[in-house]
Amino acid sequence: MKLFYKLISQILIASMILLPFSAQAGVIGTDQAVASAQDLANRAKVNDFISRGDVIKKFEALGLNAATAQERVNAMTQEEINRIAGQIDTLPAGAMSNWWIGATVIVIAMLLWWAYMR
């Protein structure tokens, strides 16, 4: 067993002498760290958006399969990804801008209920 410990210690000593100690570290600013995290979040948001079922159906209706769309997103620059991610946030939920139809139905139902209870 002593021979094994002696061999290991010699290998460690030789590696410490022969292998160079080179490590480089740099300080990055908070703005760079936040921008990097935001870029990754935006890319994930766009990837999640194009992998949704309704979006894939719309792509197929337009003649584009999901794999090709994913390749195109991967080829986009970070500026393009950030712009698209910003547009995803500003689009109306459910893509229905005619909210007044639902409100009208609710108001009519309330009036009919009120008239019936009277």
N, C-alpha and C. Protein backbone atom coordinates (compact mmCIF):
# COMPACT_ATOMS: atom_id res chain seq x y z
N MET A 1 0.82 -1.18 0.00
CA MET A 1 0.00 0.00 0.00
C MET A 1 0.87 1.26 0.00
N LYS A 2 2.01 1.17 0.68
CA LYS A 2 2.91 2.32 0.71
C LYS A 2 3.41 2.64 -0.70
N LEU A 3 3.60 1.60 -1.49
CA LEU A 3 4.07 1.81 -2.86
C LEU A 3 3.02 2.58 -3.68
N PHE A 4 1.77 2.27 -3.46
CA PHE A 4 0.69 2.96 -4.16
C PHE A 4 0.64 4.45 -3.78
N TYR A 5 0.73 4.74 -2.47
CA TYR A 5 0.72 6.13 -2.01
C TYR A 5 1.93 6.89 -2.53
N LYS A 6 3.06 6.22 -2.57
CA LYS A 6 4.28 6.86 -3.07
C LYS A 6 4.13 7.18 -4.56
N LEU A 7 3.56 6.26 -5.33
CA LEU A 7 3.35 6.48 -6.77
C LEU A 7 2.40 7.64 -7.00
N ILE A 8 1.30 7.67 -6.27
CA ILE A 8 0.32 8.76 -6.43
C ILE A 8 0.94 10.10 -6.07
N SER A 9 1.70 10.15 -4.98
CA SER A 9 2.31 11.41 -4.58
C SER A 9 3.34 11.88 -5.61
N GLN A 10 4.08 10.96 -6.21
CA GLN A 10 5.06 11.34 -7.24
C GLN A 10 4.36 11.86 -8.50
N ILE A 11 3.24 11.23 -8.85
CA ILE A 11 2.49 11.70 -10.02
C ILE A 11 1.94 13.10 -9.76
N LEU A 12 1.43 13.35 -8.56
CA LEU A 12 0.91 14.67 -8.23
C LEU A 12 2.01 15.73 -8.23
N ILE A 13 3.18 15.39 -7.68
CA ILE A 13 4.30 16.34 -7.66
C ILE A 13 4.75 16.65 -9.08
N ALA A 14 4.85 15.63 -9.91
CA ALA A 14 5.28 15.84 -11.30
C ALA A 14 4.26 16.68 -12.07
N SER A 15 2.99 16.42 -11.84
CA SER A 15 1.98 17.20 -12.56
C SER A 15 1.97 18.65 -12.11
N MET A 16 2.23 18.91 -10.83
CA MET A 16 2.27 20.29 -10.35
C MET A 16 3.48 21.04 -10.91
N ILE A 17 4.55 20.33 -11.11
CA ILE A 17 5.75 20.98 -11.65
C ILE A 17 5.65 21.18 -13.15
N LEU A 18 5.15 20.18 -13.87
CA LEU A 18 5.16 20.22 -15.33
C LEU A 18 3.98 20.96 -15.95
N LEU A 19 2.84 20.91 -15.32
CA LEU A 19 1.67 21.56 -15.89
C LEU A 19 1.63 23.03 -15.46
N PRO A 20 1.39 23.91 -16.40
CA PRO A 20 1.40 25.33 -16.06
C PRO A 20 0.14 25.74 -15.28
N PHE A 21 0.32 26.70 -14.41
CA PHE A 21 -0.81 27.28 -13.68
C PHE A 21 -1.21 28.56 -14.40
N SER A 22 -2.21 28.47 -15.20
CA SER A 22 -2.66 29.67 -15.89
C SER A 22 -4.17 29.77 -15.79
N ALA A 23 -4.60 30.77 -15.12
CA ALA A 23 -6.03 31.04 -15.00
C ALA A 23 -6.24 32.53 -15.21
N GLN A 24 -7.25 32.83 -15.97
CA GLN A 24 -7.56 34.23 -16.24
C GLN A 24 -8.98 34.51 -15.78
N ALA A 25 -9.12 35.61 -15.13
CA ALA A 25 -10.45 36.00 -14.67
C ALA A 25 -10.64 37.48 -14.97
N GLY A 26 -11.83 37.82 -15.30
CA GLY A 26 -12.12 39.22 -15.58
C GLY A 26 -13.41 39.61 -14.90
N VAL A 27 -13.56 40.87 -14.67
CA VAL A 27 -14.76 41.38 -14.05
C VAL A 27 -15.69 41.88 -15.15
N ILE A 28 -16.94 41.44 -15.09
CA ILE A 28 -17.91 41.93 -16.05
C ILE A 28 -18.89 42.83 -15.31
N GLY A 29 -19.42 43.76 -16.03
CA GLY A 29 -20.36 44.70 -15.44
C GLY A 29 -21.74 44.09 -15.29
N THR A 30 -22.52 44.67 -14.44
CA THR A 30 -23.88 44.20 -14.21
C THR A 30 -24.72 44.33 -15.47
N ASP A 31 -24.50 45.40 -16.22
CA ASP A 31 -25.28 45.60 -17.44
C ASP A 31 -25.01 44.49 -18.45
N GLN A 32 -23.77 44.01 -18.52
CA GLN A 32 -23.46 42.91 -19.43
C GLN A 32 -24.11 41.62 -18.97
N ALA A 33 -24.10 41.36 -17.68
CA ALA A 33 -24.72 40.14 -17.17
C ALA A 33 -26.23 40.15 -17.36
N VAL A 34 -26.86 41.29 -17.11
CA VAL A 34 -28.31 41.40 -17.27
C VAL A 34 -28.69 41.29 -18.75
N ALA A 35 -27.92 41.92 -19.61
CA ALA A 35 -28.21 41.86 -21.05
C ALA A 35 -28.09 40.43 -21.56
N SER A 36 -27.09 39.72 -21.08
CA SER A 36 -26.92 38.33 -21.50
C SER A 36 -28.08 37.47 -21.03
N ALA A 37 -28.50 37.66 -19.79
CA ALA A 37 -29.64 36.89 -19.27
C ALA A 37 -30.92 37.25 -20.02
N GLN A 38 -31.10 38.52 -20.34
CA GLN A 38 -32.29 38.95 -21.08
C GLN A 38 -32.28 38.38 -22.50
N ASP A 39 -31.12 38.33 -23.12
CA ASP A 39 -31.02 37.75 -24.45
C ASP A 39 -31.40 36.28 -24.44
N LEU A 40 -30.93 35.55 -23.45
CA LEU A 40 -31.27 34.13 -23.35
C LEU A 40 -32.77 33.94 -23.09
N ALA A 41 -33.34 34.79 -22.25
CA ALA A 41 -34.77 34.70 -21.96
C ALA A 41 -35.60 35.01 -23.21
N ASN A 42 -35.17 36.00 -23.99
CA ASN A 42 -35.90 36.34 -25.21
C ASN A 42 -35.84 35.21 -26.23
N ARG A 43 -34.68 34.58 -26.36
CA ARG A 43 -34.54 33.46 -27.30
C ARG A 43 -35.43 32.30 -26.86
N ALA A 44 -35.47 32.04 -25.56
CA ALA A 44 -36.34 30.97 -25.05
C ALA A 44 -37.81 31.30 -25.27
N LYS A 45 -38.17 32.57 -25.11
CA LYS A 45 -39.56 32.99 -25.32
C LYS A 45 -39.98 32.77 -26.77
N VAL A 46 -39.12 33.14 -27.71
CA VAL A 46 -39.45 32.96 -29.13
C VAL A 46 -39.52 31.47 -29.47
N ASN A 47 -38.60 30.66 -28.93
CA ASN A 47 -38.63 29.22 -29.18
C ASN A 47 -39.90 28.59 -28.61
N ASP A 48 -40.31 29.02 -27.42
CA ASP A 48 -41.55 28.51 -26.84
C ASP A 48 -42.76 28.91 -27.68
N PHE A 49 -42.72 30.14 -28.20
CA PHE A 49 -43.84 30.63 -29.00
C PHE A 49 -43.99 29.82 -30.29
N ILE A 50 -42.89 29.55 -30.98
CA ILE A 50 -43.01 28.84 -32.25
C ILE A 50 -43.26 27.35 -32.07
N SER A 51 -43.12 26.85 -30.84
CA SER A 51 -43.40 25.43 -30.60
C SER A 51 -44.84 25.20 -30.11
N ARG A 52 -45.63 26.27 -29.99
CA ARG A 52 -47.04 26.12 -29.59
C ARG A 52 -47.82 25.47 -30.72
N GLY A 53 -48.84 24.74 -30.36
CA GLY A 53 -49.64 24.00 -31.34
C GLY A 53 -50.35 24.89 -32.33
N ASP A 54 -50.96 25.98 -31.86
CA ASP A 54 -51.69 26.85 -32.77
C ASP A 54 -50.75 27.57 -33.73
N VAL A 55 -49.56 27.88 -33.28
CA VAL A 55 -48.59 28.54 -34.17
C VAL A 55 -48.09 27.56 -35.22
N ILE A 56 -47.86 26.31 -34.82
CA ILE A 56 -47.42 25.29 -35.79
C ILE A 56 -48.50 25.07 -36.84
N LYS A 57 -49.78 25.04 -36.43
CA LYS A 57 -50.87 24.89 -37.40
C LYS A 57 -50.91 26.06 -38.38
N LYS A 58 -50.66 27.27 -37.87
CA LYS A 58 -50.65 28.44 -38.75
C LYS A 58 -49.48 28.37 -39.73
N PHE A 59 -48.31 27.91 -39.24
CA PHE A 59 -47.16 27.73 -40.13
C PHE A 59 -47.49 26.74 -41.25
N GLU A 60 -48.12 25.63 -40.87
CA GLU A 60 -48.47 24.62 -41.87
C GLU A 60 -49.49 25.15 -42.86
N ALA A 61 -50.41 25.99 -42.39
CA ALA A 61 -51.38 26.59 -43.30
C ALA A 61 -50.70 27.53 -44.28
N LEU A 62 -49.60 28.13 -43.86
CA LEU A 62 -48.85 29.03 -44.73
C LEU A 62 -47.80 28.29 -45.57
N GLY A 63 -47.70 26.95 -45.39
CA GLY A 63 -46.77 26.16 -46.18
C GLY A 63 -45.37 26.06 -45.59
N LEU A 64 -45.23 26.22 -44.29
CA LEU A 64 -43.94 26.17 -43.63
C LEU A 64 -44.01 25.15 -42.52
N ASN A 65 -43.10 24.16 -42.54
CA ASN A 65 -43.15 23.17 -41.47
C ASN A 65 -42.40 23.67 -40.23
N ALA A 66 -42.62 23.02 -39.12
CA ALA A 66 -42.08 23.48 -37.83
C ALA A 66 -40.56 23.42 -37.79
N ALA A 67 -39.98 22.42 -38.43
CA ALA A 67 -38.51 22.28 -38.42
C ALA A 67 -37.85 23.44 -39.16
N THR A 68 -38.43 23.84 -40.27
CA THR A 68 -37.88 24.96 -41.03
C THR A 68 -38.02 26.26 -40.23
N ALA A 69 -39.14 26.42 -39.56
CA ALA A 69 -39.33 27.62 -38.73
C ALA A 69 -38.30 27.65 -37.60
N GLN A 70 -38.03 26.51 -36.99
CA GLN A 70 -37.05 26.44 -35.92
C GLN A 70 -35.65 26.78 -36.44
N GLU A 71 -35.32 26.30 -37.63
CA GLU A 71 -34.02 26.62 -38.23
C GLU A 71 -33.89 28.12 -38.50
N ARG A 72 -34.97 28.71 -38.97
CA ARG A 72 -34.94 30.15 -39.25
C ARG A 72 -34.78 30.96 -37.97
N VAL A 73 -35.43 30.53 -36.90
CA VAL A 73 -35.28 31.24 -35.62
C VAL A 73 -33.85 31.09 -35.11
N ASN A 74 -33.27 29.91 -35.25
CA ASN A 74 -31.89 29.71 -34.81
C ASN A 74 -30.89 30.53 -35.61
N ALA A 75 -31.24 30.87 -36.85
CA ALA A 75 -30.36 31.66 -37.69
C ALA A 75 -30.50 33.17 -37.47
N MET A 76 -31.48 33.59 -36.67
CA MET A 76 -31.71 35.01 -36.45
C MET A 76 -30.64 35.62 -35.55
N THR A 77 -30.40 36.90 -35.77
CA THR A 77 -29.48 37.62 -34.89
C THR A 77 -30.19 37.94 -33.58
N GLN A 78 -29.41 38.31 -32.58
CA GLN A 78 -30.01 38.61 -31.27
C GLN A 78 -30.92 39.83 -31.33
N GLU A 79 -30.59 40.77 -32.17
CA GLU A 79 -31.43 41.96 -32.32
C GLU A 79 -32.81 41.59 -32.86
N GLU A 80 -32.85 40.69 -33.84
CA GLU A 80 -34.12 40.24 -34.40
C GLU A 80 -34.93 39.47 -33.35
N ILE A 81 -34.25 38.63 -32.59
CA ILE A 81 -34.92 37.86 -31.54
C ILE A 81 -35.53 38.80 -30.50
N ASN A 82 -34.77 39.82 -30.09
CA ASN A 82 -35.27 40.77 -29.10
C ASN A 82 -36.50 41.53 -29.62
N ARG A 83 -36.47 41.89 -30.90
CA ARG A 83 -37.60 42.61 -31.48
C ARG A 83 -38.85 41.72 -31.53
N ILE A 84 -38.69 40.47 -31.92
CA ILE A 84 -39.83 39.55 -31.98
C ILE A 84 -40.36 39.25 -30.59
N ALA A 85 -39.46 39.07 -29.62
CA ALA A 85 -39.90 38.81 -28.24
C ALA A 85 -40.70 40.00 -27.70
N GLY A 86 -40.30 41.21 -28.06
CA GLY A 86 -41.06 42.39 -27.65
C GLY A 86 -42.43 42.43 -28.30
N GLN A 87 -42.53 41.97 -29.53
CA GLN A 87 -43.82 41.94 -30.21
C GLN A 87 -44.73 40.87 -29.62
N ILE A 88 -44.15 39.76 -29.18
CA ILE A 88 -44.96 38.71 -28.55
C ILE A 88 -45.63 39.26 -27.30
N ASP A 89 -44.90 40.08 -26.54
CA ASP A 89 -45.45 40.63 -25.31
C ASP A 89 -46.56 41.65 -25.58
N THR A 90 -46.52 42.34 -26.71
CA THR A 90 -47.50 43.40 -26.96
C THR A 90 -48.72 42.92 -27.73
N LEU A 91 -48.71 41.71 -28.26
CA LEU A 91 -49.86 41.21 -29.00
C LEU A 91 -50.99 40.87 -28.04
N PRO A 92 -52.24 41.04 -28.48
CA PRO A 92 -53.36 40.71 -27.58
C PRO A 92 -53.42 39.21 -27.32
N ALA A 93 -53.78 38.85 -26.11
CA ALA A 93 -53.87 37.44 -25.74
C ALA A 93 -55.01 36.79 -26.51
N GLY A 94 -54.75 35.64 -27.08
CA GLY A 94 -55.78 34.95 -27.84
C GLY A 94 -55.98 35.52 -29.23
N ALA A 95 -55.30 36.57 -29.56
CA ALA A 95 -55.36 37.21 -30.87
C ALA A 95 -56.79 37.60 -31.25
N MET A 96 -57.56 38.01 -30.26
CA MET A 96 -58.92 38.47 -30.53
C MET A 96 -59.03 39.93 -30.13
N SER A 97 -59.16 40.78 -31.10
CA SER A 97 -59.24 42.20 -30.80
C SER A 97 -60.69 42.68 -30.74
N ASN A 98 -61.64 41.80 -31.00
CA ASN A 98 -63.05 42.17 -30.97
C ASN A 98 -63.67 41.77 -29.63
N TRP A 99 -63.17 42.33 -28.57
CA TRP A 99 -63.65 42.01 -27.23
C TRP A 99 -65.07 42.47 -27.00
N TRP A 100 -65.50 43.42 -27.78
CA TRP A 100 -66.82 43.98 -27.59
C TRP A 100 -67.92 42.97 -27.88
N ILE A 101 -67.65 41.95 -28.69
CA ILE A 101 -68.66 40.92 -28.98
C ILE A 101 -68.99 40.17 -27.69
N GLY A 102 -67.98 39.78 -26.97
CA GLY A 102 -68.19 39.08 -25.71
C GLY A 102 -68.89 39.95 -24.69
N ALA A 103 -68.50 41.22 -24.62
CA ALA A 103 -69.14 42.14 -23.68
C ALA A 103 -70.61 42.34 -24.02
N THR A 104 -70.93 42.42 -25.30
CA THR A 104 -72.32 42.59 -25.72
C THR A 104 -73.16 41.38 -25.34
N VAL A 105 -72.62 40.20 -25.54
CA VAL A 105 -73.34 38.98 -25.18
C VAL A 105 -73.61 38.95 -23.68
N ILE A 106 -72.64 39.34 -22.88
CA ILE A 106 -72.82 39.34 -21.43
C ILE A 106 -73.88 40.36 -21.01
N VAL A 107 -73.85 41.55 -21.60
CA VAL A 107 -74.83 42.58 -21.26
C VAL A 107 -76.24 42.13 -21.65
N ILE A 108 -76.40 41.54 -22.83
CA ILE A 108 -77.72 41.06 -23.26
C ILE A 108 -78.21 39.96 -22.33
N ALA A 109 -77.32 39.05 -21.95
CA ALA A 109 -77.71 37.97 -21.03
C ALA A 109 -78.14 38.53 -19.69
N MET A 110 -77.44 39.57 -19.21
CA MET A 110 -77.82 40.18 -17.93
C MET A 110 -79.17 40.88 -18.04
N LEU A 111 -79.44 41.57 -19.15
CA LEU A 111 -80.73 42.23 -19.35
C LEU A 111 -81.87 41.23 -19.43
N LEU A 112 -81.65 40.11 -20.13
CA LEU A 112 -82.69 39.07 -20.22
C LEU A 112 -82.94 38.46 -18.87
N TRP A 113 -81.89 38.23 -18.09
CA TRP A 113 -82.05 37.67 -16.77
C TRP A 113 -82.81 38.64 -15.87
N TRP A 114 -82.47 39.92 -15.96
CA TRP A 114 -83.15 40.94 -15.16
C TRP A 114 -84.63 41.02 -15.54
N ALA A 115 -84.94 40.98 -16.85
CA ALA A 115 -86.33 41.04 -17.31
C ALA A 115 -87.10 39.79 -16.88
N TYR A 116 -86.48 38.66 -16.87
CA TYR A 116 -87.13 37.42 -16.49
C TYR A 116 -87.43 37.40 -14.99
N MET A 117 -86.52 37.92 -14.19
CA MET A 117 -86.69 37.92 -12.73
C MET A 117 -87.73 38.96 -12.28
N ARG A 118 -88.03 39.88 -13.09
CA ARG A 118 -88.97 40.94 -12.75
C ARG A 118 -90.34 40.48 -12.86
